[in-house]
Amino acid sequence: MPQGTLEVFLVSAKGLENTDFLCNMDPYVLLTCRTQEQQSSVASGKGSDPEWNETFIFNLSEGISELKMKIMDSDTLTAHDLVGEVDIPLEPLFIKGSLPITVYNVVKDGHYCGEIRVGLSFRPEERRDRELEESFGGWKESSY
């Protein structure tokens, strides 16, 4: 997998299962790429059809193959509820460089529970040929 910068444009969600029975839920999204985690703002009172329109930047290293997203419901007095999850494979992004805003299914316990709209772009890191650097000038440093 290539190294570089992943830009995630979190647009909105639609048709989410409401985890609050008495009022509209307050959803937010946790975005995770291996050990890097970022959180969107809370779409207060937006219920099942929140909008964020936020951009997140991740620095990708070798071996990262997916972006994980968890949609959560922010609760004041109790633990935050999991609304659903999305795992987005990054291989198509590495090939194309960018993916337009796409709808992904949100799943919880193996069941469909709404959709989320996300745009992705990838900027590969320019690699330097290390062997060329070490032998620059016609000599190579001895390893003794």
C-alpha atoms as a PDB file:
ATOM      1  CA  MET A   1       0.000   0.000   0.000  1.00  0.00           C
ATOM      2  CA  PRO A   2       1.329   3.457  -0.825  1.00  0.00           C
ATOM      3  CA  GLN A   3       2.327   6.157   1.608  1.00  0.00           C
ATOM      4  CA  GLY A   4       0.872   9.645   1.430  1.00  0.00           C
ATOM      5  CA  THR A   5      -1.991  11.872   2.508  1.00  0.00           C
ATOM      6  CA  LEU A   6      -5.616  10.776   2.677  1.00  0.00           C
ATOM      7  CA  GLU A   7      -8.252  13.510   2.585  1.00  0.00           C
ATOM      8  CA  VAL A   8     -11.738  12.513   3.727  1.00  0.00           C
ATOM      9  CA  PHE A   9     -14.717  14.760   2.968  1.00  0.00           C
ATOM     10  CA  LEU A  10     -17.531  13.727   5.329  1.00  0.00           C
ATOM     11  CA  VAL A  11     -20.740  15.050   3.786  1.00  0.00           C
ATOM     12  CA  SER A  12     -23.859  13.624   5.416  1.00  0.00           C
ATOM     13  CA  ALA A  13     -25.840  10.555   6.421  1.00  0.00           C
ATOM     14  CA  LYS A  14     -29.363   9.507   5.591  1.00  0.00           C
ATOM     15  CA  GLY A  15     -31.911   7.092   7.008  1.00  0.00           C
ATOM     16  CA  LEU A  16     -29.945   6.274  10.167  1.00  0.00           C
ATOM     17  CA  GLU A  17     -31.751   4.269  12.812  1.00  0.00           C
ATOM     18  CA  ASN A  18     -32.610   6.646  15.638  1.00  0.00           C
ATOM     19  CA  THR A  19     -31.134   5.394  18.917  1.00  0.00           C
ATOM     20  CA  ASP A  20     -32.978   8.030  20.982  1.00  0.00           C
ATOM     21  CA  PHE A  21     -36.602   7.126  21.598  1.00  0.00           C
ATOM     22  CA  LEU A  22     -37.856  10.441  23.000  1.00  0.00           C
ATOM     23  CA  CYS A  23     -36.006  12.949  20.821  1.00  0.00           C
ATOM     24  CA  ASN A  24     -33.760  13.301  17.778  1.00  0.00           C
ATOM     25  CA  MET A  25     -30.305  11.809  18.155  1.00  0.00           C
ATOM     26  CA  ASP A  26     -27.109  13.895  18.027  1.00  0.00           C
ATOM     27  CA  PRO A  27     -24.820  11.930  15.668  1.00  0.00           C
ATOM     28  CA  TYR A  28     -21.087  12.299  15.160  1.00  0.00           C
ATOM     29  CA  VAL A  29     -18.518  10.176  13.331  1.00  0.00           C
ATOM     30  CA  LEU A  30     -15.276   8.588  14.545  1.00  0.00           C
ATOM     31  CA  LEU A  31     -12.873   8.145  11.613  1.00  0.00           C
ATOM     32  CA  THR A  32      -9.993   5.694  12.082  1.00  0.00           C
ATOM     33  CA  CYS A  33      -6.998   4.783   9.913  1.00  0.00           C
ATOM     34  CA  ARG A  34      -5.050   2.159  11.857  1.00  0.00           C
ATOM     35  CA  THR A  35      -3.896   4.144  14.951  1.00  0.00           C
ATOM     36  CA  GLN A  36      -5.000   7.622  13.832  1.00  0.00           C
ATOM     37  CA  GLU A  37      -8.452   8.644  15.011  1.00  0.00           C
ATOM     38  CA  GLN A  38     -10.385  11.851  14.378  1.00  0.00           C
ATOM     39  CA  GLN A  39     -13.887  12.914  15.335  1.00  0.00           C
ATOM     40  CA  SER A  40     -16.442  15.027  13.495  1.00  0.00           C
ATOM     41  CA  SER A  41     -18.523  17.670  15.162  1.00  0.00           C
ATOM     42  CA  VAL A  42     -21.808  16.611  16.758  1.00  0.00           C
ATOM     43  CA  ALA A  43     -24.804  17.243  14.484  1.00  0.00           C
ATOM     44  CA  SER A  44     -27.017  18.355  17.386  1.00  0.00           C
ATOM     45  CA  GLY A  45     -30.676  17.451  17.014  1.00  0.00           C
ATOM     46  CA  LYS A  46     -30.228  16.415  13.371  1.00  0.00           C
ATOM     47  CA  GLY A  47     -31.616  12.935  13.961  1.00  0.00           C
ATOM     48  CA  SER A  48     -31.520  10.371  11.163  1.00  0.00           C
ATOM     49  CA  ASP A  49     -30.341  12.748   8.395  1.00  0.00           C
ATOM     50  CA  PRO A  50     -27.316  14.705   9.730  1.00  0.00           C
ATOM     51  CA  GLU A  51     -24.991  16.911   7.666  1.00  0.00           C
ATOM     52  CA  TRP A  52     -21.367  17.609   8.560  1.00  0.00           C
ATOM     53  CA  ASN A  53     -19.531  18.878   5.455  1.00  0.00           C
ATOM     54  CA  GLU A  54     -16.163  18.462   7.199  1.00  0.00           C
ATOM     55  CA  THR A  55     -12.724  17.503   5.898  1.00  0.00           C
ATOM     56  CA  PHE A  56     -10.207  15.273   7.691  1.00  0.00           C
ATOM     57  CA  ILE A  57      -6.550  14.606   6.809  1.00  0.00           C
ATOM     58  CA  PHE A  58      -4.702  11.363   7.593  1.00  0.00           C
ATOM     59  CA  ASN A  59      -1.028  10.562   6.967  1.00  0.00           C
ATOM     60  CA  LEU A  60      -0.913   7.048   5.551  1.00  0.00           C
ATOM     61  CA  SER A  61       2.003   4.679   6.005  1.00  0.00           C
ATOM     62  CA  GLU A  62       2.615   1.253   4.493  1.00  0.00           C
ATOM     63  CA  GLY A  63      -0.007  -1.364   5.229  1.00  0.00           C
ATOM     64  CA  ILE A  64      -3.093   0.816   5.724  1.00  0.00           C
ATOM     65  CA  SER A  65      -5.820  -0.659   3.566  1.00  0.00           C
ATOM     66  CA  GLU A  66      -9.088   0.744   4.922  1.00  0.00           C
ATOM     67  CA  LEU A  67     -10.809   3.684   6.558  1.00  0.00           C
ATOM     68  CA  LYS A  68     -13.126   2.754   9.415  1.00  0.00           C
ATOM     69  CA  MET A  69     -16.024   4.988  10.344  1.00  0.00           C
ATOM     70  CA  LYS A  70     -18.282   4.625  13.383  1.00  0.00           C
ATOM     71  CA  ILE A  71     -21.402   6.730  13.631  1.00  0.00           C
ATOM     72  CA  MET A  72     -22.171   7.468  17.260  1.00  0.00           C
ATOM     73  CA  ASP A  73     -25.058   9.180  19.053  1.00  0.00           C
ATOM     74  CA  SER A  74     -23.863  11.718  21.609  1.00  0.00           C
ATOM     75  CA  ASP A  75     -25.784  11.387  24.867  1.00  0.00           C
ATOM     76  CA  THR A  76     -25.453  13.741  27.817  1.00  0.00           C
ATOM     77  CA  LEU A  77     -26.350  11.517  30.746  1.00  0.00           C
ATOM     78  CA  THR A  78     -25.577   8.027  29.399  1.00  0.00           C
ATOM     79  CA  ALA A  79     -22.865   6.349  27.322  1.00  0.00           C
ATOM     80  CA  HIS A  80     -22.757   7.296  23.644  1.00  0.00           C
ATOM     81  CA  ASP A  81     -24.627   4.797  21.476  1.00  0.00           C
ATOM     82  CA  LEU A  82     -23.220   3.089  18.383  1.00  0.00           C
ATOM     83  CA  VAL A  83     -25.519   3.860  15.444  1.00  0.00           C
ATOM     84  CA  GLY A  84     -23.547   1.854  12.867  1.00  0.00           C
ATOM     85  CA  GLU A  85     -20.221   1.314  11.111  1.00  0.00           C
ATOM     86  CA  VAL A  86     -18.647   1.536   7.659  1.00  0.00           C
ATOM     87  CA  ASP A  87     -15.350   0.041   6.460  1.00  0.00           C
ATOM     88  CA  ILE A  88     -14.136   1.677   3.258  1.00  0.00           C
ATOM     89  CA  PRO A  89     -11.405  -0.197   1.321  1.00  0.00           C
ATOM     90  CA  LEU A  90      -8.698   2.207   0.111  1.00  0.00           C
ATOM     91  CA  GLU A  91      -7.274   0.122  -2.765  1.00  0.00           C
ATOM     92  CA  PRO A  92      -9.576   1.720  -5.419  1.00  0.00           C
ATOM     93  CA  LEU A  93      -8.542   5.146  -4.101  1.00  0.00           C
ATOM     94  CA  PHE A  94      -4.830   4.331  -4.432  1.00  0.00           C
ATOM     95  CA  ILE A  95      -5.422   3.342  -8.070  1.00  0.00           C
ATOM     96  CA  LYS A  96      -7.595   6.329  -9.080  1.00  0.00           C
ATOM     97  CA  GLY A  97      -6.219   9.062  -6.789  1.00  0.00           C
ATOM     98  CA  SER A  98      -9.674  10.323  -5.848  1.00  0.00           C
ATOM     99  CA  LEU A  99     -13.193   9.003  -5.469  1.00  0.00           C
ATOM    100  CA  PRO A 100     -16.189  11.310  -5.892  1.00  0.00           C
ATOM    101  CA  ILE A 101     -18.737  11.634  -3.114  1.00  0.00           C
ATOM    102  CA  THR A 102     -20.027   8.078  -2.747  1.00  0.00           C
ATOM    103  CA  VAL A 103     -22.827   6.516  -0.713  1.00  0.00           C
ATOM    104  CA  TYR A 104     -21.733   3.722   1.649  1.00  0.00           C
ATOM    105  CA  ASN A 105     -24.058   1.439   3.604  1.00  0.00           C
ATOM    106  CA  VAL A 106     -23.981   1.808   7.383  1.00  0.00           C
ATOM    107  CA  VAL A 107     -24.171  -1.556   9.142  1.00  0.00           C
ATOM    108  CA  LYS A 108     -24.736  -2.607  12.747  1.00  0.00           C
ATOM    109  CA  ASP A 109     -24.672  -6.257  13.824  1.00  0.00           C
ATOM    110  CA  GLY A 110     -24.744  -7.307  10.176  1.00  0.00           C
ATOM    111  CA  HIS A 111     -27.896  -5.314   9.383  1.00  0.00           C
ATOM    112  CA  TYR A 112     -28.313  -2.255   7.142  1.00  0.00           C
ATOM    113  CA  CYS A 113     -29.148   0.837   9.200  1.00  0.00           C
ATOM    114  CA  GLY A 114     -28.706   3.810   6.862  1.00  0.00           C
ATOM    115  CA  GLU A 115     -26.118   5.334   4.569  1.00  0.00           C
ATOM    116  CA  ILE A 116     -23.303   7.855   4.700  1.00  0.00           C
ATOM    117  CA  ARG A 117     -21.877  10.078   1.943  1.00  0.00           C
ATOM    118  CA  VAL A 118     -18.098  10.463   1.784  1.00  0.00           C
ATOM    119  CA  GLY A 119     -15.596  11.784  -0.772  1.00  0.00           C
ATOM    120  CA  LEU A 120     -11.952  10.635  -0.744  1.00  0.00           C
ATOM    121  CA  SER A 121      -8.705  11.817  -2.302  1.00  0.00           C
ATOM    122  CA  PHE A 122      -5.148  10.504  -1.990  1.00  0.00           C
ATOM    123  CA  ARG A 123      -1.869  12.295  -2.602  1.00  0.00           C
ATOM    124  CA  PRO A 124       1.072   9.844  -2.712  1.00  0.00           C
ATOM    125  CA  GLU A 125       4.283  10.733  -0.940  1.00  0.00           C
ATOM    126  CA  GLU A 126       7.178  11.319  -3.291  1.00  0.00           C
ATOM    127  CA  ARG A 127       9.734   8.606  -2.721  1.00  0.00           C
ATOM    128  CA  ARG A 128      13.431   9.167  -2.966  1.00  0.00           C
ATOM    129  CA  ASP A 129      15.685   6.431  -4.135  1.00  0.00           C
ATOM    130  CA  ARG A 130      17.763   5.834  -1.027  1.00  0.00           C
ATOM    131  CA  GLU A 131      20.442   3.843  -2.835  1.00  0.00           C
ATOM    132  CA  LEU A 132      20.981   6.764  -5.211  1.00  0.00           C
ATOM    133  CA  GLU A 133      21.304   9.192  -2.274  1.00  0.00           C
ATOM    134  CA  GLU A 134      23.872   7.018  -0.508  1.00  0.00           C
ATOM    135  CA  SER A 135      26.022   6.598  -3.601  1.00  0.00           C
ATOM    136  CA  PHE A 136      25.774  10.223  -4.766  1.00  0.00           C
ATOM    137  CA  GLY A 137      29.060  11.631  -5.993  1.00  0.00           C
ATOM    138  CA  GLY A 138      30.487   8.341  -7.247  1.00  0.00           C
ATOM    139  CA  TRP A 139      31.410   6.928  -3.841  1.00  0.00           C
ATOM    140  CA  LYS A 140      29.549   4.884  -1.326  1.00  0.00           C
ATOM    141  CA  GLU A 141      30.101   5.031   2.403  1.00  0.00           C
ATOM    142  CA  SER A 142      31.687   1.880   3.773  1.00  0.00           C
ATOM    143  CA  SER A 143      29.669  -0.198   6.179  1.00  0.00           C
ATOM    144  CA  TYR A 144      32.803  -1.149   8.205  1.00  0.00           C
END
